[in-house]
Protein backbone atom coordinates (compact mmCIF):
# COMPACT_ATOMS: atom_id res chain seq x y z
CA MET A 1 97.68 70.70 112.26
CA LEU A 2 96.00 72.02 109.08
CA ARG A 3 97.68 69.30 107.03
CA ILE A 4 95.99 66.68 109.21
CA PHE A 5 92.61 68.36 108.66
CA ASP A 6 93.30 68.46 104.90
CA ILE A 7 93.90 64.71 104.76
CA ILE A 8 90.95 63.75 106.97
CA PHE A 9 88.44 66.02 105.24
CA SER A 10 89.64 65.09 101.74
CA LEU A 11 89.43 61.35 102.40
CA LEU A 12 85.96 61.71 103.93
CA ALA A 13 84.82 63.86 101.01
CA LEU A 14 86.08 61.36 98.44
CA ILE A 15 84.28 58.52 100.22
CA PHE A 16 81.05 60.43 100.80
CA LEU A 17 80.96 61.94 97.30
CA SER A 18 82.14 58.83 95.44
CA PRO A 19 78.66 58.10 93.98
CA LEU A 20 78.44 61.65 92.58
CA ILE A 21 82.00 61.48 91.26
CA LEU A 22 81.25 58.16 89.52
CA ILE A 23 78.14 59.62 87.88
CA VAL A 24 80.12 62.61 86.59
CA VAL A 25 82.85 60.32 85.24
CA VAL A 26 80.27 58.28 83.29
CA ILE A 27 78.51 61.37 81.92
CA LEU A 28 81.77 62.97 80.78
CA ARG A 29 82.95 59.71 79.21
CA PHE A 30 79.88 59.41 77.04
CA SER A 31 79.14 63.07 76.31
CA GLY A 32 80.92 66.03 74.79
CA GLU A 33 84.39 65.02 73.65
CA GLY A 34 84.63 61.97 75.92
CA LYS A 35 87.36 63.54 78.02
CA ILE A 36 86.99 62.99 81.80
CA PHE A 37 89.81 64.93 83.40
CA PHE A 38 91.52 68.21 82.65
CA LEU A 39 95.19 68.17 83.64
CA GLN A 40 97.20 71.36 83.71
CA LYS A 41 100.54 72.50 85.07
CA ARG A 42 100.10 75.05 87.86
CA ILE A 43 102.48 76.85 90.21
CA GLY A 44 102.23 75.62 93.78
CA HIS A 45 103.97 75.58 97.14
CA ASN A 46 107.41 77.27 97.07
CA LEU A 47 106.83 78.05 93.37
CA VAL A 48 107.18 74.38 92.41
CA ASP A 49 104.89 73.38 89.57
CA PHE A 50 102.53 70.39 89.73
CA THR A 51 99.66 68.95 87.73
CA VAL A 52 96.26 70.11 88.91
CA ILE A 53 93.34 67.71 88.34
CA LYS A 54 89.83 68.86 87.44
CA PHE A 55 86.83 67.40 85.67
CA ALA A 56 86.90 68.42 82.00
CA THR A 57 84.41 71.22 81.40
CA MET A 58 85.81 72.79 78.25
CA LYS A 59 86.72 71.78 74.74
CA LYS A 60 90.17 70.44 74.01
CA ASN A 61 92.88 73.03 73.39
CA SER A 62 90.78 75.69 75.16
CA PRO A 63 93.85 77.09 77.01
CA PHE A 64 95.30 78.04 73.61
CA ILE A 65 92.28 79.78 72.04
CA GLY A 66 89.99 82.71 72.85
CA THR A 67 90.77 84.19 76.26
CA LYS A 68 93.19 81.28 76.79
CA THR A 69 93.61 80.46 80.51
CA LEU A 70 90.85 82.90 81.55
CA THR A 71 87.23 81.76 81.39
CA ILE A 72 84.28 84.11 81.01
CA LYS A 73 80.56 83.63 81.63
CA ASN A 74 78.86 81.71 78.79
CA ASP A 75 82.28 81.02 77.30
CA PRO A 76 81.67 79.19 73.98
CA ARG A 77 84.48 76.79 74.84
CA ILE A 78 82.55 75.34 77.81
CA LEU A 79 80.85 72.00 77.19
CA PRO A 80 77.07 71.69 77.86
CA ILE A 81 77.49 69.85 81.17
CA GLY A 82 80.50 72.00 81.94
CA HIS A 83 78.31 74.98 82.83
CA TYR A 84 76.63 73.00 85.60
CA LEU A 85 79.87 71.48 86.88
CA ARG A 86 81.52 74.90 87.08
CA LYS A 87 78.54 76.62 88.69
CA THR A 88 78.31 74.00 91.45
CA LYS A 89 82.13 73.69 91.71
CA ILE A 90 81.82 69.93 91.16
CA ASN A 91 84.54 70.26 88.51
CA GLU A 92 87.00 71.05 91.33
CA LEU A 93 86.42 67.80 93.26
CA PRO A 94 89.31 65.81 91.67
CA GLN A 95 91.67 68.28 93.35
CA LEU A 96 90.96 66.37 96.55
CA ILE A 97 93.57 63.97 95.14
CA ASN A 98 96.05 66.87 94.85
CA ILE A 99 95.35 67.64 98.51
CA ILE A 100 95.97 64.08 99.66
CA LEU A 101 99.23 64.05 97.67
CA GLY A 102 100.34 67.14 99.58
CA GLN A 103 100.34 69.44 96.55
CA MET A 104 97.39 71.51 97.73
CA SER A 105 95.36 72.38 100.83
CA LEU A 106 91.62 72.81 101.23
CA ILE A 107 92.20 76.53 101.84
CA GLY A 108 94.90 78.73 100.36
CA PRO A 109 95.69 80.87 97.31
CA ARG A 110 94.55 79.36 94.04
CA PRO A 111 97.37 77.65 92.11
CA LEU A 112 98.25 79.79 89.10
CA THR A 113 99.33 79.11 85.56
CA LYS A 114 102.74 80.45 84.57
CA GLU A 115 100.94 83.05 82.48
CA ALA A 116 98.85 84.33 85.41
CA LEU A 117 101.93 84.33 87.65
CA LYS A 118 103.47 87.04 85.46
CA SER A 119 101.08 89.53 87.09
CA TYR A 120 102.87 88.98 90.43
CA SER A 121 106.26 90.38 91.43
CA TYR A 122 108.83 87.83 92.58
CA GLU A 123 108.40 89.01 96.18
CA GLU A 124 104.62 88.52 95.92
CA GLN A 125 105.12 85.09 94.39
CA LYS A 126 107.42 83.97 97.21
CA LEU A 127 105.07 85.28 99.90
CA ILE A 128 101.77 83.98 98.54
CA PHE A 129 103.12 80.56 97.62
CA SER A 130 105.02 80.11 100.85
CA ILE A 131 101.93 78.04 101.75
CA ARG A 132 100.15 75.33 99.78
CA PRO A 133 97.67 76.57 97.18
CA GLY A 134 94.04 75.84 98.01
CA LEU A 135 90.95 74.23 96.59
CA SER A 136 89.28 77.39 97.86
CA GLY A 137 90.46 80.47 99.72
CA ILE A 138 89.71 84.08 100.49
CA GLY A 139 90.52 85.15 96.91
CA SER A 140 88.29 82.47 95.44
CA ILE A 141 85.44 83.39 97.80
CA VAL A 142 85.55 87.11 97.04
CA PHE A 143 85.88 86.49 93.30
CA ARG A 144 83.38 83.63 93.16
CA ASN A 145 81.74 85.33 90.14
CA GLU A 146 85.03 86.07 88.39
CA GLU A 147 83.86 84.56 85.11
CA GLU A 148 80.86 86.90 85.05
CA ILE A 149 83.03 89.93 85.90
CA LEU A 150 85.46 89.09 83.10
CA SER A 151 82.63 88.65 80.60
CA LEU A 152 81.62 92.29 81.13
CA ASN A 153 85.09 93.61 80.42
CA GLU A 154 88.12 93.07 78.22
CA ALA A 155 89.01 89.86 80.03
CA ASN A 156 92.81 89.65 79.91
CA LYS A 157 93.40 93.37 80.44
CA TYR A 158 90.82 93.61 83.25
CA TYR A 159 92.30 90.60 85.06
CA VAL A 160 95.82 92.04 85.02
CA ASN A 161 94.88 95.63 85.89
CA VAL A 162 91.95 95.19 88.29
CA ILE A 163 91.39 91.64 89.57
CA ALA A 164 94.98 90.45 90.06
CA PRO A 165 96.14 93.46 92.15
CA TYR A 166 93.28 93.10 94.62
CA LYS A 167 93.45 89.32 94.67
CA LYS A 168 97.15 89.57 95.58
CA LYS A 169 96.23 91.70 98.58
CA LEU A 170 93.63 89.15 99.68
CA GLU A 171 95.97 86.18 99.32
CA SER A 172 98.79 88.03 101.10
CA TRP A 173 96.42 88.88 103.93
CA TYR A 174 95.53 85.20 104.34
CA VAL A 175 99.19 84.14 104.40
CA HIS A 176 99.94 86.67 107.14
CA ASN A 177 96.84 85.69 109.16
CA LYS A 178 96.66 81.96 108.47
CA SER A 179 95.05 80.12 111.38
CA VAL A 180 92.77 77.21 112.23
CA LYS A 181 89.96 79.72 112.76
CA TYR A 182 90.22 81.27 109.29
CA TYR A 183 90.75 77.83 107.74
CA PHE A 184 87.38 76.61 109.02
CA LEU A 185 85.63 79.92 108.30
CA CYS A 186 86.78 79.75 104.67
CA ILE A 187 85.52 76.17 104.36
CA PHE A 188 82.14 77.16 105.78
CA ILE A 189 81.74 80.26 103.59
CA THR A 190 82.83 78.33 100.49
CA MET A 191 79.99 75.87 101.03
CA TRP A 192 77.62 78.73 101.92
CA ILE A 193 78.18 80.69 98.70
CA VAL A 194 77.70 77.59 96.55
CA ILE A 195 74.15 77.53 97.92
CA PHE A 196 73.74 81.31 98.22
CA PRO A 197 76.01 82.81 95.53
CA ASN A 198 74.82 86.39 96.12
CA SER A 199 75.49 86.27 99.85
CA LYS A 200 77.51 89.08 101.44
CA LEU A 201 78.53 86.88 104.37
CA VAL A 202 82.23 87.05 103.56
CA TRP A 203 82.28 90.79 104.31
CA LYS A 204 80.45 90.29 107.60
CA VAL A 205 82.76 87.48 108.77
CA PHE A 206 86.10 88.74 107.46
CA LYS A 207 85.92 92.37 108.57
CA LYS A 208 89.70 92.83 108.52
CA ILE A 209 90.48 91.77 104.96
CA PRO A 210 91.65 94.51 102.56
CA GLU A 211 88.72 96.57 101.29
CA PRO A 212 88.16 96.32 97.54
CA PRO A 213 88.93 99.37 95.40
CA GLU A 214 85.96 101.54 94.42
CA ASN A 215 85.90 100.34 90.81
CA ILE A 216 85.22 96.75 91.84
CA LYS A 217 83.09 97.00 94.98
CA LYS A 218 79.84 96.41 93.09
CA GLU A 219 81.24 93.43 91.20
CA VAL A 220 82.33 91.64 94.39
CA ASN A 221 79.07 92.44 96.20
CA PHE A 222 80.93 94.44 98.83
CA TYR A 223 79.19 94.94 102.16
CA ASN A 224 80.33 97.74 104.42
């Protein structure tokens, strides 16, 4: 059922947003480094890797310098237009192609790099990626300001010790409670927080998700 929704919504989005996508393609081609797409190997469904497609927002070789695969707020590796594309999530739109190809879903755990996957036990990996990774999901919604959080801390260490453990709980919760209802609620809240990034709606709608630990409640705008 959800796979049918994925295909229908992705095709409609590509058609409806095609003018915007074309404009972004032209701007990226003739600005920055002239690179249009960012292709990267990620871990997906059943721990099988695939190539995720995004609009290029960072300088070439960015995954190998600085904080590597983690991005922080005002990261010097981000291209001028990249800040806008990332803030509005427009850079994620090419992943609609990944969804149509069956590699991703609209909602699910974010596909991880092999480096990020090291923070997960094998049991956690098998559970969380027993479903298709998502363009958005409960983890992405809660940590919508992840780049800002990382910029205030020692990025790599903070991700492994604070963000990843809680994000695993969120993604595991979604896998165990996956339903049409939560699928549509996640889509709605994803669109909502793009417009209202400081909204606490996620905590009002998803009352049963794992509560964040005390040391991160403020960062994720927790509402109790």
